[in-house]
Amino acid sequence: MHENTETDLYRRWLDDIWNGPKDRAKLAEIAEEFVDEDFVGHWPTTDVNGPGKLAALVAAVKATHTELTYSLEVEPFGADGYVAARWISHGALRAGETDYSSGNDILRIEDGRLVECWVASPGM
């Protein structure tokens, strides 16, 4: 059973979604467990609404890689309905090149569910 503290929700965000399955339908199923239907995600080049669109974005990112793993560089910390963390990703692109990226997330939480996210990351 998963807890719904700010830091637990962030770990689910990273582990269950970003390090989760590649399949869009399975990702949507997982996201619906703790991402609110009115979720809004703000990436540098796009906004995403709802768990289904979030799953589509994550699946599209994963489809460009043969392998991709996200890990924490700065542990999540949160209070008053917000959580933030810094992550790094390592992977291999379909063209064979090694891929490295990093970013910062701030997530807003209401009633134990993720309702909004701001992502600072190059290339998205």
PDB file of N, CA and C in Angstrom:
ATOM      1  N   MET A   1       0.847  -1.185   0.000  1.00  0.00           N
ATOM      2  CA  MET A   1       0.000   0.000   0.000  1.00  0.00           C
ATOM      3  C   MET A   1       0.884   1.237   0.000  1.00  0.00           C
ATOM      4  N   HIS A   2       0.534   2.194  -0.841  1.00  0.00           N
ATOM      5  CA  HIS A   2       1.320   3.420  -0.955  1.00  0.00           C
ATOM      6  C   HIS A   2       0.774   4.485  -0.012  1.00  0.00           C
ATOM      7  N   GLU A   3       1.678   5.221   0.586  1.00  0.00           N
ATOM      8  CA  GLU A   3       1.295   6.386   1.388  1.00  0.00           C
ATOM      9  C   GLU A   3       1.068   7.551   0.434  1.00  0.00           C
ATOM     10  N   ASN A   4       0.479   8.610   0.929  1.00  0.00           N
ATOM     11  CA  ASN A   4       0.255   9.777   0.093  1.00  0.00           C
ATOM     12  C   ASN A   4       0.851  11.038   0.694  1.00  0.00           C
ATOM     13  N   THR A   5       1.983  10.910   1.411  1.00  0.00           N
ATOM     14  CA  THR A   5       2.684  12.106   1.846  1.00  0.00           C
ATOM     15  C   THR A   5       3.308  12.751   0.614  1.00  0.00           C
ATOM     16  N   GLU A   6       3.740  13.990   0.750  1.00  0.00           N
ATOM     17  CA  GLU A   6       4.332  14.682  -0.394  1.00  0.00           C
ATOM     18  C   GLU A   6       5.502  13.897  -0.979  1.00  0.00           C
ATOM     19  N   THR A   7       6.425  13.452  -0.115  1.00  0.00           N
ATOM     20  CA  THR A   7       7.602  12.758  -0.639  1.00  0.00           C
ATOM     21  C   THR A   7       7.248  11.381  -1.200  1.00  0.00           C
ATOM     22  N   ASP A   8       6.287  10.684  -0.603  1.00  0.00           N
ATOM     23  CA  ASP A   8       5.858   9.387  -1.141  1.00  0.00           C
ATOM     24  C   ASP A   8       5.235   9.554  -2.522  1.00  0.00           C
ATOM     25  N   LEU A   9       4.444  10.592  -2.699  1.00  0.00           N
ATOM     26  CA  LEU A   9       3.837  10.837  -4.006  1.00  0.00           C
ATOM     27  C   LEU A   9       4.900  11.169  -5.042  1.00  0.00           C
ATOM     28  N   TYR A  10       5.921  11.906  -4.632  1.00  0.00           N
ATOM     29  CA  TYR A  10       6.984  12.196  -5.596  1.00  0.00           C
ATOM     30  C   TYR A  10       7.703  10.910  -6.007  1.00  0.00           C
ATOM     31  N   ARG A  11       7.966  10.050  -5.045  1.00  0.00           N
ATOM     32  CA  ARG A  11       8.636   8.787  -5.378  1.00  0.00           C
ATOM     33  C   ARG A  11       7.781   7.956  -6.336  1.00  0.00           C
ATOM     34  N   ARG A  12       6.475   7.961  -6.156  1.00  0.00           N
ATOM     35  CA  ARG A  12       5.587   7.249  -7.093  1.00  0.00           C
ATOM     36  C   ARG A  12       5.653   7.902  -8.473  1.00  0.00           C
ATOM     37  N   TRP A  13       5.692   9.229  -8.504  1.00  0.00           N
ATOM     38  CA  TRP A  13       5.824   9.984  -9.751  1.00  0.00           C
ATOM     39  C   TRP A  13       7.056   9.508 -10.522  1.00  0.00           C
ATOM     40  N   LEU A  14       8.175   9.413  -9.826  1.00  0.00           N
ATOM     41  CA  LEU A  14       9.413   9.016 -10.478  1.00  0.00           C
ATOM     42  C   LEU A  14       9.457   7.504 -10.739  1.00  0.00           C
ATOM     43  N   ASP A  15       9.171   6.688  -9.734  1.00  0.00           N
ATOM     44  CA  ASP A  15       9.311   5.232  -9.853  1.00  0.00           C
ATOM     45  C   ASP A  15       8.203   4.585 -10.674  1.00  0.00           C
ATOM     46  N   ASP A  16       6.952   4.927 -10.386  1.00  0.00           N
ATOM     47  CA  ASP A  16       5.826   4.237 -11.020  1.00  0.00           C
ATOM     48  C   ASP A  16       5.501   4.773 -12.411  1.00  0.00           C
ATOM     49  N   ILE A  17       5.741   6.069 -12.627  1.00  0.00           N
ATOM     50  CA  ILE A  17       5.426   6.638 -13.942  1.00  0.00           C
ATOM     51  C   ILE A  17       6.678   6.728 -14.811  1.00  0.00           C
ATOM     52  N   TRP A  18       7.655   7.524 -14.404  1.00  0.00           N
ATOM     53  CA  TRP A  18       8.829   7.744 -15.258  1.00  0.00           C
ATOM     54  C   TRP A  18       9.713   6.509 -15.381  1.00  0.00           C
ATOM     55  N   ASN A  19       9.805   5.687 -14.346  1.00  0.00           N
ATOM     56  CA  ASN A  19      10.545   4.427 -14.441  1.00  0.00           C
ATOM     57  C   ASN A  19       9.601   3.249 -14.622  1.00  0.00           C
ATOM     58  N   GLY A  20       8.340   3.519 -14.876  1.00  0.00           N
ATOM     59  CA  GLY A  20       7.328   2.486 -15.030  1.00  0.00           C
ATOM     60  C   GLY A  20       7.307   1.892 -16.423  1.00  0.00           C
ATOM     61  N   PRO A  21       6.197   1.266 -16.782  1.00  0.00           N
ATOM     62  CA  PRO A  21       6.093   0.587 -18.075  1.00  0.00           C
ATOM     63  C   PRO A  21       6.161   1.564 -19.252  1.00  0.00           C
ATOM     64  N   LYS A  22       6.487   1.037 -20.430  1.00  0.00           N
ATOM     65  CA  LYS A  22       6.515   1.856 -21.646  1.00  0.00           C
ATOM     66  C   LYS A  22       5.129   1.988 -22.272  1.00  0.00           C
ATOM     67  N   ASP A  23       4.268   1.049 -21.967  1.00  0.00           N
ATOM     68  CA  ASP A  23       2.933   0.989 -22.564  1.00  0.00           C
ATOM     69  C   ASP A  23       2.049   2.135 -22.062  1.00  0.00           C
ATOM     70  N   ARG A  24       1.494   2.896 -23.003  1.00  0.00           N
ATOM     71  CA  ARG A  24       0.681   4.070 -22.662  1.00  0.00           C
ATOM     72  C   ARG A  24      -0.533   3.712 -21.811  1.00  0.00           C
ATOM     73  N   ALA A  25      -1.223   2.630 -22.150  1.00  0.00           N
ATOM     74  CA  ALA A  25      -2.425   2.246 -21.398  1.00  0.00           C
ATOM     75  C   ALA A  25      -2.080   1.868 -19.960  1.00  0.00           C
ATOM     76  N   LYS A  26      -0.973   1.122 -19.791  1.00  0.00           N
ATOM     77  CA  LYS A  26      -0.555   0.760 -18.431  1.00  0.00           C
ATOM     78  C   LYS A  26      -0.119   1.987 -17.645  1.00  0.00           C
ATOM     79  N   LEU A  27       0.576   2.908 -18.302  1.00  0.00           N
ATOM     80  CA  LEU A  27       0.977   4.152 -17.634  1.00  0.00           C
ATOM     81  C   LEU A  27      -0.251   4.960 -17.206  1.00  0.00           C
ATOM     82  N   ALA A  28      -1.262   5.022 -18.054  1.00  0.00           N
ATOM     83  CA  ALA A  28      -2.485   5.756 -17.717  1.00  0.00           C
ATOM     84  C   ALA A  28      -3.179   5.120 -16.523  1.00  0.00           C
ATOM     85  N   GLU A  29      -3.201   3.804 -16.486  1.00  0.00           N
ATOM     86  CA  GLU A  29      -3.811   3.081 -15.360  1.00  0.00           C
ATOM     87  C   GLU A  29      -3.097   3.429 -14.044  1.00  0.00           C
ATOM     88  N   ILE A  30      -1.774   3.431 -14.085  1.00  0.00           N
ATOM     89  CA  ILE A  30      -0.991   3.775 -12.897  1.00  0.00           C
ATOM     90  C   ILE A  30      -1.229   5.233 -12.516  1.00  0.00           C
ATOM     91  N   ALA A  31      -1.176   6.122 -13.484  1.00  0.00           N
ATOM     92  CA  ALA A  31      -1.346   7.558 -13.209  1.00  0.00           C
ATOM     93  C   ALA A  31      -2.706   7.844 -12.588  1.00  0.00           C
ATOM     94  N   GLU A  32      -3.739   7.166 -13.046  1.00  0.00           N
ATOM     95  CA  GLU A  32      -5.084   7.413 -12.519  1.00  0.00           C
ATOM     96  C   GLU A  32      -5.195   7.105 -11.029  1.00  0.00           C
ATOM     97  N   GLU A  33      -4.268   6.304 -10.492  1.00  0.00           N
ATOM     98  CA  GLU A  33      -4.292   5.982  -9.071  1.00  0.00           C
ATOM     99  C   GLU A  33      -3.965   7.188  -8.186  1.00  0.00           C
ATOM    100  N   PHE A  34      -3.120   8.096  -8.668  1.00  0.00           N
ATOM    101  CA  PHE A  34      -2.689   9.197  -7.794  1.00  0.00           C
ATOM    102  C   PHE A  34      -2.517  10.542  -8.493  1.00  0.00           C
ATOM    103  N   VAL A  35      -2.835  10.610  -9.783  1.00  0.00           N
ATOM    104  CA  VAL A  35      -2.806  11.869 -10.523  1.00  0.00           C
ATOM    105  C   VAL A  35      -4.259  12.286 -10.756  1.00  0.00           C
ATOM    106  N   ASP A  36      -4.588  13.484 -10.316  1.00  0.00           N
ATOM    107  CA  ASP A  36      -5.965  13.968 -10.392  1.00  0.00           C
ATOM    108  C   ASP A  36      -6.430  14.112 -11.845  1.00  0.00           C
ATOM    109  N   GLU A  37      -7.722  13.907 -12.076  1.00  0.00           N
ATOM    110  CA  GLU A  37      -8.262  14.039 -13.442  1.00  0.00           C
ATOM    111  C   GLU A  37      -8.102  15.460 -13.971  1.00  0.00           C
ATOM    112  N   ASP A  38      -7.992  16.450 -13.079  1.00  0.00           N
ATOM    113  CA  ASP A  38      -7.792  17.847 -13.490  1.00  0.00           C
ATOM    114  C   ASP A  38      -6.328  18.262 -13.457  1.00  0.00           C
ATOM    115  N   PHE A  39      -5.420  17.288 -13.401  1.00  0.00           N
ATOM    116  CA  PHE A  39      -3.982  17.545 -13.379  1.00  0.00           C
ATOM    117  C   PHE A  39      -3.561  18.427 -14.543  1.00  0.00           C
ATOM    118  N   VAL A  40      -2.648  19.368 -14.263  1.00  0.00           N
ATOM    119  CA  VAL A  40      -2.016  20.180 -15.303  1.00  0.00           C
ATOM    120  C   VAL A  40      -0.509  20.099 -15.084  1.00  0.00           C
ATOM    121  N   GLY A  41       0.196  19.646 -16.090  1.00  0.00           N
ATOM    122  CA  GLY A  41       1.655  19.587 -16.046  1.00  0.00           C
ATOM    123  C   GLY A  41       2.230  20.632 -16.973  1.00  0.00           C
ATOM    124  N   HIS A  42       3.165  21.414 -16.443  1.00  0.00           N
ATOM    125  CA  HIS A  42       3.789  22.502 -17.219  1.00  0.00           C
ATOM    126  C   HIS A  42       5.237  22.125 -17.528  1.00  0.00           C
ATOM    127  N   TRP A  43       5.503  21.774 -18.797  1.00  0.00           N
ATOM    128  CA  TRP A  43       6.855  21.513 -19.259  1.00  0.00           C
ATOM    129  C   TRP A  43       7.316  22.739 -20.029  1.00  0.00           C
ATOM    130  N   PRO A  44       8.615  22.915 -20.236  1.00  0.00           N
ATOM    131  CA  PRO A  44       9.091  24.120 -20.918  1.00  0.00           C
ATOM    132  C   PRO A  44       8.454  24.373 -22.285  1.00  0.00           C
ATOM    133  N   THR A  45       8.087  23.320 -23.015  1.00  0.00           N
ATOM    134  CA  THR A  45       7.545  23.521 -24.362  1.00  0.00           C
ATOM    135  C   THR A  45       6.087  23.112 -24.523  1.00  0.00           C
ATOM    136  N   THR A  46       5.462  22.586 -23.467  1.00  0.00           N
ATOM    137  CA  THR A  46       4.081  22.128 -23.600  1.00  0.00           C
ATOM    138  C   THR A  46       3.403  22.012 -22.245  1.00  0.00           C
ATOM    139  N   ASP A  47       2.099  22.056 -22.243  1.00  0.00           N
ATOM    140  CA  ASP A  47       1.296  21.752 -21.057  1.00  0.00           C
ATOM    141  C   ASP A  47       0.550  20.445 -21.318  1.00  0.00           C
ATOM    142  N   VAL A  48       0.332  19.688 -20.251  1.00  0.00           N
ATOM    143  CA  VAL A  48      -0.332  18.392 -20.341  1.00  0.00           C
ATOM    144  C   VAL A  48      -1.490  18.402 -19.353  1.00  0.00           C
ATOM    145  N   ASN A  49      -2.663  17.958 -19.781  1.00  0.00           N
ATOM    146  CA  ASN A  49      -3.856  17.939 -18.939  1.00  0.00           C
ATOM    147  C   ASN A  49      -4.353  16.518 -18.728  1.00  0.00           C
ATOM    148  N   GLY A  50      -4.466  16.128 -17.441  1.00  0.00           N
ATOM    149  CA  GLY A  50      -5.051  14.842 -17.081  1.00  0.00           C
ATOM    150  C   GLY A  50      -4.056  13.691 -17.120  1.00  0.00           C
ATOM    151  N   PRO A  51      -4.397  12.595 -16.419  1.00  0.00           N
ATOM    152  CA  PRO A  51      -3.501  11.442 -16.359  1.00  0.00           C
ATOM    153  C   PRO A  51      -3.291  10.754 -17.707  1.00  0.00           C
ATOM    154  N   GLY A  52      -4.288  10.774 -18.576  1.00  0.00           N
ATOM    155  CA  GLY A  52      -4.148  10.147 -19.892  1.00  0.00           C
ATOM    156  C   GLY A  52      -3.130  10.855 -20.769  1.00  0.00           C
ATOM    157  N   LYS A  53      -3.173  12.169 -20.776  1.00  0.00           N
ATOM    158  CA  LYS A  53      -2.210  12.944 -21.576  1.00  0.00           C
ATOM    159  C   LYS A  53      -0.815  12.859 -20.962  1.00  0.00           C
ATOM    160  N   LEU A  54      -0.752  12.799 -19.628  1.00  0.00           N
ATOM    161  CA  LEU A  54       0.533  12.590 -18.968  1.00  0.00           C
ATOM    162  C   LEU A  54       1.122  11.255 -19.416  1.00  0.00           C
ATOM    163  N   ALA A  55       0.313  10.203 -19.416  1.00  0.00           N
ATOM    164  CA  ALA A  55       0.771   8.880 -19.851  1.00  0.00           C
ATOM    165  C   ALA A  55       1.259   8.927 -21.294  1.00  0.00           C
ATOM    166  N   ALA A  56       0.560   9.671 -22.150  1.00  0.00           N
ATOM    167  CA  ALA A  56       0.962   9.782 -23.552  1.00  0.00           C
ATOM    168  C   ALA A  56       2.320  10.474 -23.680  1.00  0.00           C
ATOM    169  N   LEU A  57       2.544  11.526 -22.901  1.00  0.00           N
ATOM    170  CA  LEU A  57       3.820  12.236 -22.937  1.00  0.00           C
ATOM    171  C   LEU A  57       4.952  11.319 -22.474  1.00  0.00           C
ATOM    172  N   VAL A  58       4.752  10.626 -21.365  1.00  0.00           N
ATOM    173  CA  VAL A  58       5.781   9.732 -20.834  1.00  0.00           C
ATOM    174  C   VAL A  58       6.069   8.602 -21.828  1.00  0.00           C
ATOM    175  N   ALA A  59       5.027   8.017 -22.396  1.00  0.00           N
ATOM    176  CA  ALA A  59       5.212   6.942 -23.381  1.00  0.00           C
ATOM    177  C   ALA A  59       5.976   7.447 -24.601  1.00  0.00           C
ATOM    178  N   ALA A  60       5.699   8.681 -25.041  1.00  0.00           N
ATOM    179  CA  ALA A  60       6.405   9.254 -26.190  1.00  0.00           C
ATOM    180  C   ALA A  60       7.889   9.450 -25.878  1.00  0.00           C
ATOM    181  N   VAL A  61       8.212   9.903 -24.676  1.00  0.00           N
ATOM    182  CA  VAL A  61       9.612  10.060 -24.272  1.00  0.00           C
ATOM    183  C   VAL A  61      10.295   8.699 -24.263  1.00  0.00           C
ATOM    184  N   LYS A  62       9.637   7.711 -23.671  1.00  0.00           N
ATOM    185  CA  LYS A  62      10.228   6.374 -23.586  1.00  0.00           C
ATOM    186  C   LYS A  62      10.405   5.745 -24.969  1.00  0.00           C
ATOM    187  N   ALA A  63       9.527   6.066 -25.918  1.00  0.00           N
ATOM    188  CA  ALA A  63       9.598   5.481 -27.258  1.00  0.00           C
ATOM    189  C   ALA A  63      10.839   5.942 -28.025  1.00  0.00           C
ATOM    190  N   THR A  64      11.443   7.045 -27.621  1.00  0.00           N
ATOM    191  CA  THR A  64      12.642   7.538 -28.297  1.00  0.00           C
ATOM    192  C   THR A  64      13.905   6.868 -27.777  1.00  0.00           C
ATOM    193  N   HIS A  65      13.763   6.016 -26.757  1.00  0.00           N
ATOM    194  CA  HIS A  65      14.905   5.378 -26.115  1.00  0.00           C
ATOM    195  C   HIS A  65      14.787   3.850 -26.150  1.00  0.00           C
ATOM    196  N   THR A  66      15.930   3.181 -26.187  1.00  0.00           N
ATOM    197  CA  THR A  66      15.934   1.727 -26.017  1.00  0.00           C
ATOM    198  C   THR A  66      16.004   1.395 -24.529  1.00  0.00           C
ATOM    199  N   GLU A  67      16.570   2.297 -23.754  1.00  0.00           N
ATOM    200  CA  GLU A  67      16.572   2.176 -22.294  1.00  0.00           C
ATOM    201  C   GLU A  67      16.603   3.586 -21.714  1.00  0.00           C
ATOM    202  N   LEU A  68      15.973   3.726 -20.546  1.00  0.00           N
ATOM    203  CA  LEU A  68      15.888   5.037 -19.914  1.00  0.00           C
ATOM    204  C   LEU A  68      15.578   4.843 -18.440  1.00  0.00           C
ATOM    205  N   THR A  69      16.412   5.433 -17.586  1.00  0.00           N
ATOM    206  CA  THR A  69      16.236   5.306 -16.151  1.00  0.00           C
ATOM    207  C   THR A  69      16.364   6.672 -15.497  1.00  0.00           C
ATOM    208  N   TYR A  70      15.440   6.954 -14.594  1.00  0.00           N
ATOM    209  CA  TYR A  70      15.457   8.197 -13.818  1.00  0.00           C
ATOM    210  C   TYR A  70      15.853   7.879 -12.384  1.00  0.00           C
ATOM    211  N   SER A  71      16.681   8.744 -11.803  1.00  0.00           N
ATOM    212  CA  SER A  71      17.052   8.585 -10.400  1.00  0.00           C
ATOM    213  C   SER A  71      17.104   9.957  -9.741  1.00  0.00           C
ATOM    214  N   LEU A  72      17.032   9.942  -8.427  1.00  0.00           N
ATOM    215  CA  LEU A  72      17.048  11.188  -7.675  1.00  0.00           C
ATOM    216  C   LEU A  72      18.476  11.689  -7.497  1.00  0.00           C
ATOM    217  N   GLU A  73      18.664  12.953  -7.746  1.00  0.00           N
ATOM    218  CA  GLU A  73      19.938  13.601  -7.457  1.00  0.00           C
ATOM    219  C   GLU A  73      19.814  14.374  -6.140  1.00  0.00           C
ATOM    220  N   VAL A  74      18.633  14.965  -5.922  1.00  0.00           N
ATOM    221  CA  VAL A  74      18.299  15.613  -4.651  1.00  0.00           C
ATOM    222  C   VAL A  74      16.993  14.985  -4.173  1.00  0.00           C
ATOM    223  N   GLU A  75      17.016  14.424  -2.982  1.00  0.00           N
ATOM    224  CA  GLU A  75      15.842  13.762  -2.412  1.00  0.00           C
ATOM    225  C   GLU A  75      14.643  14.724  -2.374  1.00  0.00           C
ATOM    226  N   PRO A  76      13.436  14.193  -2.549  1.00  0.00           N
ATOM    227  CA  PRO A  76      12.263  15.065  -2.495  1.00  0.00           C
ATOM    228  C   PRO A  76      12.066  15.657  -1.104  1.00  0.00           C
ATOM    229  N   PHE A  77      11.625  16.892  -1.092  1.00  0.00           N
ATOM    230  CA  PHE A  77      11.281  17.558   0.161  1.00  0.00           C
ATOM    231  C   PHE A  77       9.995  18.322  -0.077  1.00  0.00           C
ATOM    232  N   GLY A  78       9.129  18.329   0.931  1.00  0.00           N
ATOM    233  CA  GLY A  78       7.839  18.963   0.722  1.00  0.00           C
ATOM    234  C   GLY A  78       7.200  19.453   1.985  1.00  0.00           C
ATOM    235  N   ALA A  79       6.254  20.360   1.789  1.00  0.00           N
ATOM    236  CA  ALA A  79       5.450  20.911   2.876  1.00  0.00           C
ATOM    237  C   ALA A  79       4.304  21.695   2.256  1.00  0.00           C
ATOM    238  N   ASP A  80       3.234  21.819   3.034  1.00  0.00           N
ATOM    239  CA  ASP A  80       2.098  22.664   2.650  1.00  0.00           C
ATOM    240  C   ASP A  80       1.542  22.358   1.266  1.00  0.00           C
ATOM    241  N   GLY A  81       1.524  21.071   0.908  1.00  0.00           N
ATOM    242  CA  GLY A  81       0.913  20.676  -0.358  1.00  0.00           C
ATOM    243  C   GLY A  81       1.819  20.767  -1.566  1.00  0.00           C
ATOM    244  N   TYR A  82       3.112  20.952  -1.363  1.00  0.00           N
ATOM    245  CA  TYR A  82       4.073  21.003  -2.475  1.00  0.00           C
ATOM    246  C   TYR A  82       5.220  20.048  -2.185  1.00  0.00           C
ATOM    247  N   VAL A  83       5.817  19.529  -3.253  1.00  0.00           N
ATOM    248  CA  VAL A  83       7.023  18.713  -3.129  1.00  0.00           C
ATOM    249  C   VAL A  83       7.933  19.062  -4.304  1.00  0.00           C
ATOM    250  N   ALA A  84       9.230  19.053  -4.042  1.00  0.00           N
ATOM    251  CA  ALA A  84      10.213  19.357  -5.081  1.00  0.00           C
ATOM    252  C   ALA A  84      11.349  18.356  -4.993  1.00  0.00           C
ATOM    253  N   ALA A  85      12.008  18.136  -6.124  1.00  0.00           N
ATOM    254  CA  ALA A  85      13.164  17.243  -6.174  1.00  0.00           C
ATOM    255  C   ALA A  85      13.937  17.524  -7.453  1.00  0.00           C
ATOM    256  N   ARG A  86      15.153  17.020  -7.490  1.00  0.00           N
ATOM    257  CA  ARG A  86      15.982  17.089  -8.697  1.00  0.00           C
ATOM    258  C   ARG A  86      16.299  15.663  -9.131  1.00  0.00           C
ATOM    259  N   TRP A  87      16.152  15.396 -10.420  1.00  0.00           N
ATOM    260  CA  TRP A  87      16.371  14.067 -10.969  1.00  0.00           C
ATOM    261  C   TRP A  87      17.416  14.117 -12.080  1.00  0.00           C
ATOM    262  N   ILE A  88      17.961  12.945 -12.369  1.00  0.00           N
ATOM    263  CA  ILE A  88      18.821  12.771 -13.531  1.00  0.00           C
ATOM    264  C   ILE A  88      18.310  11.555 -14.300  1.00  0.00           C
ATOM    265  N   SER A  89      18.528  11.551 -15.594  1.00  0.00           N
ATOM    266  CA  SER A  89      18.153  10.385 -16.396  1.00  0.00           C
ATOM    267  C   SER A  89      19.350   9.946 -17.225  1.00  0.00           C
ATOM    268  N   HIS A  90      19.437   8.641 -17.400  1.00  0.00           N
ATOM    269  CA  HIS A  90      20.461   8.031 -18.237  1.00  0.00           C
ATOM    270  C   HIS A  90      19.744   7.074 -19.171  1.00  0.00           C
ATOM    271  N   GLY A  91      20.195   7.037 -20.399  1.00  0.00           N
ATOM    272  CA  GLY A  91      19.568   6.110 -21.317  1.00  0.00           C
ATOM    273  C   GLY A  91      20.322   6.009 -22.614  1.00  0.00           C
ATOM    274  N   ALA A  92      19.721   5.278 -23.518  1.00  0.00           N
ATOM    275  CA  ALA A  92      20.257   5.119 -24.860  1.00  0.00           C
ATOM    276  C   ALA A  92      19.148   5.445 -25.846  1.00  0.00           C
ATOM    277  N   LEU A  93      19.452   6.343 -26.757  1.00  0.00           N
ATOM    278  CA  LEU A  93      18.493   6.696 -27.796  1.00  0.00           C
ATOM    279  C   LEU A  93      18.431   5.581 -28.837  1.00  0.00           C
ATOM    280  N   ARG A  94      17.343   5.528 -29.572  1.00  0.00           N
ATOM    281  CA  ARG A  94      17.177   4.503 -30.606  1.00  0.00           C
ATOM    282  C   ARG A  94      18.307   4.566 -31.637  1.00  0.00           C
ATOM    283  N   ALA A  95      18.870   5.758 -31.853  1.00  0.00           N
ATOM    284  CA  ALA A  95      19.968   5.902 -32.815  1.00  0.00           C
ATOM    285  C   ALA A  95      21.295   5.396 -32.249  1.00  0.00           C
ATOM    286  N   GLY A  96      21.312   4.977 -30.958  1.00  0.00           N
ATOM    287  CA  GLY A  96      22.497   4.399 -30.370  1.00  0.00           C
ATOM    288  C   GLY A  96      23.297   5.330 -29.483  1.00  0.00           C
ATOM    289  N   GLU A  97      22.990   6.618 -29.507  1.00  0.00           N
ATOM    290  CA  GLU A  97      23.739   7.554 -28.667  1.00  0.00           C
ATOM    291  C   GLU A  97      23.312   7.428 -27.209  1.00  0.00           C
ATOM    292  N   THR A  98      24.253   7.733 -26.325  1.00  0.00           N
ATOM    293  CA  THR A  98      23.951   7.792 -24.895  1.00  0.00           C
ATOM    294  C   THR A  98      23.234   9.104 -24.625  1.00  0.00           C
ATOM    295  N   ASP A  99      22.251   9.047 -23.746  1.00  0.00           N
ATOM    296  CA  ASP A  99      21.456  10.230 -23.418  1.00  0.00           C
ATOM    297  C   ASP A  99      21.535  10.488 -21.918  1.00  0.00           C
ATOM    298  N   TYR A 100      21.798  11.718 -21.570  1.00  0.00           N
ATOM    299  CA  TYR A 100      21.822  12.148 -20.176  1.00  0.00           C
ATOM    300  C   TYR A 100      21.009  13.435 -20.082  1.00  0.00           C
ATOM    301  N   SER A 101      20.193  13.524 -19.065  1.00  0.00           N
ATOM    302  CA  SER A 101      19.420  14.740 -18.844  1.00  0.00           C
ATOM    303  C   SER A 101      19.227  14.924 -17.344  1.00  0.00           C
ATOM    304  N   SER A 102      18.839  16.108 -16.969  1.00  0.00           N
ATOM    305  CA  SER A 102      18.530  16.371 -15.572  1.00  0.00           C
ATOM    306  C   SER A 102      17.428  17.413 -15.520  1.00  0.00           C
ATOM    307  N   GLY A 103      16.777  17.499 -14.373  1.00  0.00           N
ATOM    308  CA  GLY A 103      15.711  18.473 -14.246  1.00  0.00           C
ATOM    309  C   GLY A 103      15.234  18.607 -12.813  1.00  0.00           C
ATOM    310  N   ASN A 104      14.397  19.590 -12.626  1.00  0.00           N
ATOM    311  CA  ASN A 104      13.782  19.855 -11.329  1.00  0.00           C
ATOM    312  C   ASN A 104      12.275  19.803 -11.495  1.00  0.00           C
ATOM    313  N   ASP A 105      11.613  19.203 -10.536  1.00  0.00           N
ATOM    314  CA  ASP A 105      10.151  19.150 -10.524  1.00  0.00           C
ATOM    315  C   ASP A 105       9.634  19.832  -9.267  1.00  0.00           C
ATOM    316  N   ILE A 106       8.541  20.532  -9.432  1.00  0.00           N
ATOM    317  CA  ILE A 106       7.741  21.006  -8.303  1.00  0.00           C
ATOM    318  C   ILE A 106       6.340  20.483  -8.560  1.00  0.00           C
ATOM    319  N   LEU A 107       5.788  19.761  -7.597  1.00  0.00           N
ATOM    320  CA  LEU A 107       4.446  19.216  -7.748  1.00  0.00           C
ATOM    321  C   LEU A 107       3.539  19.752  -6.649  1.00  0.00           C
ATOM    322  N   ARG A 108       2.308  20.066  -7.026  1.00  0.00           N
ATOM    323  CA  ARG A 108       1.293  20.510  -6.063  1.00  0.00           C
ATOM    324  C   ARG A 108       0.344  19.353  -5.805  1.00  0.00           C
ATOM    325  N   ILE A 109      -0.008  19.184  -4.529  1.00  0.00           N
ATOM    326  CA  ILE A 109      -0.818  18.051  -4.095  1.00  0.00           C
ATOM    327  C   ILE A 109      -2.057  18.553  -3.374  1.00  0.00           C
ATOM    328  N   GLU A 110      -3.200  17.951  -3.690  1.00  0.00           N
ATOM    329  CA  GLU A 110      -4.450  18.208  -2.971  1.00  0.00           C
ATOM    330  C   GLU A 110      -5.118  16.875  -2.700  1.00  0.00           C
ATOM    331  N   ASP A 111      -5.570  16.689  -1.484  1.00  0.00           N
ATOM    332  CA  ASP A 111      -6.296  15.470  -1.102  1.00  0.00           C
ATOM    333  C   ASP A 111      -5.555  14.191  -1.490  1.00  0.00           C
ATOM    334  N   GLY A 112      -4.225  14.191  -1.324  1.00  0.00           N
ATOM    335  CA  GLY A 112      -3.436  12.999  -1.596  1.00  0.00           C
ATOM    336  C   GLY A 112      -3.244  12.672  -3.058  1.00  0.00           C
ATOM    337  N   ARG A 113      -3.484  13.647  -3.958  1.00  0.00           N
ATOM    338  CA  ARG A 113      -3.343  13.424  -5.397  1.00  0.00           C
ATOM    339  C   ARG A 113      -2.524  14.551  -6.009  1.00  0.00           C
ATOM    340  N   LEU A 114      -1.785  14.219  -7.061  1.00  0.00           N
ATOM    341  CA  LEU A 114      -1.023  15.234  -7.777  1.00  0.00           C
ATOM    342  C   LEU A 114      -1.971  16.035  -8.649  1.00  0.00           C
ATOM    343  N   VAL A 115      -1.952  17.367  -8.492  1.00  0.00           N
ATOM    344  CA  VAL A 115      -2.868  18.206  -9.274  1.00  0.00           C
ATOM    345  C   VAL A 115      -2.163  19.160 -10.229  1.00  0.00           C
ATOM    346  N   GLU A 116      -0.875  19.438  -9.965  1.00  0.00           N
ATOM    347  CA  GLU A 116      -0.166  20.342 -10.856  1.00  0.00           C
ATOM    348  C   GLU A 116       1.327  20.067 -10.737  1.00  0.00           C
ATOM    349  N   CYS A 117       2.023  20.318 -11.832  1.00  0.00           N
ATOM    350  CA  CYS A 117       3.455  20.049 -11.874  1.00  0.00           C
ATOM    351  C   CYS A 117       4.131  21.102 -12.740  1.00  0.00           C
ATOM    352  N   TRP A 118       5.312  21.509 -12.299  1.00  0.00           N
ATOM    353  CA  TRP A 118       6.174  22.387 -13.085  1.00  0.00           C
ATOM    354  C   TRP A 118       7.498  21.670 -13.246  1.00  0.00           C
ATOM    355  N   VAL A 119       7.925  21.493 -14.494  1.00  0.00           N
ATOM    356  CA  VAL A 119       9.148  20.773 -14.789  1.00  0.00           C
ATOM    357  C   VAL A 119      10.144  21.731 -15.467  1.00  0.00           C
ATOM    358  N   ALA A 120      11.351  21.788 -14.933  1.00  0.00           N
ATOM    359  CA  ALA A 120      12.434  22.549 -15.553  1.00  0.00           C
ATOM    360  C   ALA A 120      13.443  21.532 -16.055  1.00  0.00           C
ATOM    361  N   SER A 121      13.458  21.345 -17.377  1.00  0.00           N
ATOM    362  CA  SER A 121      14.348  20.366 -17.979  1.00  0.00           C
ATOM    363  C   SER A 121      14.620  20.763 -19.425  1.00  0.00           C
ATOM    364  N   PRO A 122      15.870  20.661 -19.853  1.00  0.00           N
ATOM    365  CA  PRO A 122      16.145  20.970 -21.267  1.00  0.00           C
ATOM    366  C   PRO A 122      15.534  19.916 -22.176  1.00  0.00           C
ATOM    367  N   GLY A 123      15.111  20.311 -23.325  1.00  0.00           N
ATOM    368  CA  GLY A 123      14.652  19.361 -24.313  1.00  0.00           C
ATOM    369  C   GLY A 123      13.213  18.902 -24.213  1.00  0.00           C
ATOM    370  N   MET A 124      12.459  19.435 -23.276  1.00  0.00           N
ATOM    371  CA  MET A 124      11.052  19.003 -23.202  1.00  0.00           C
ATOM    372  C   MET A 124      10.166  20.183 -23.386  1.00  0.00           C
TER     373      MET A 124
END
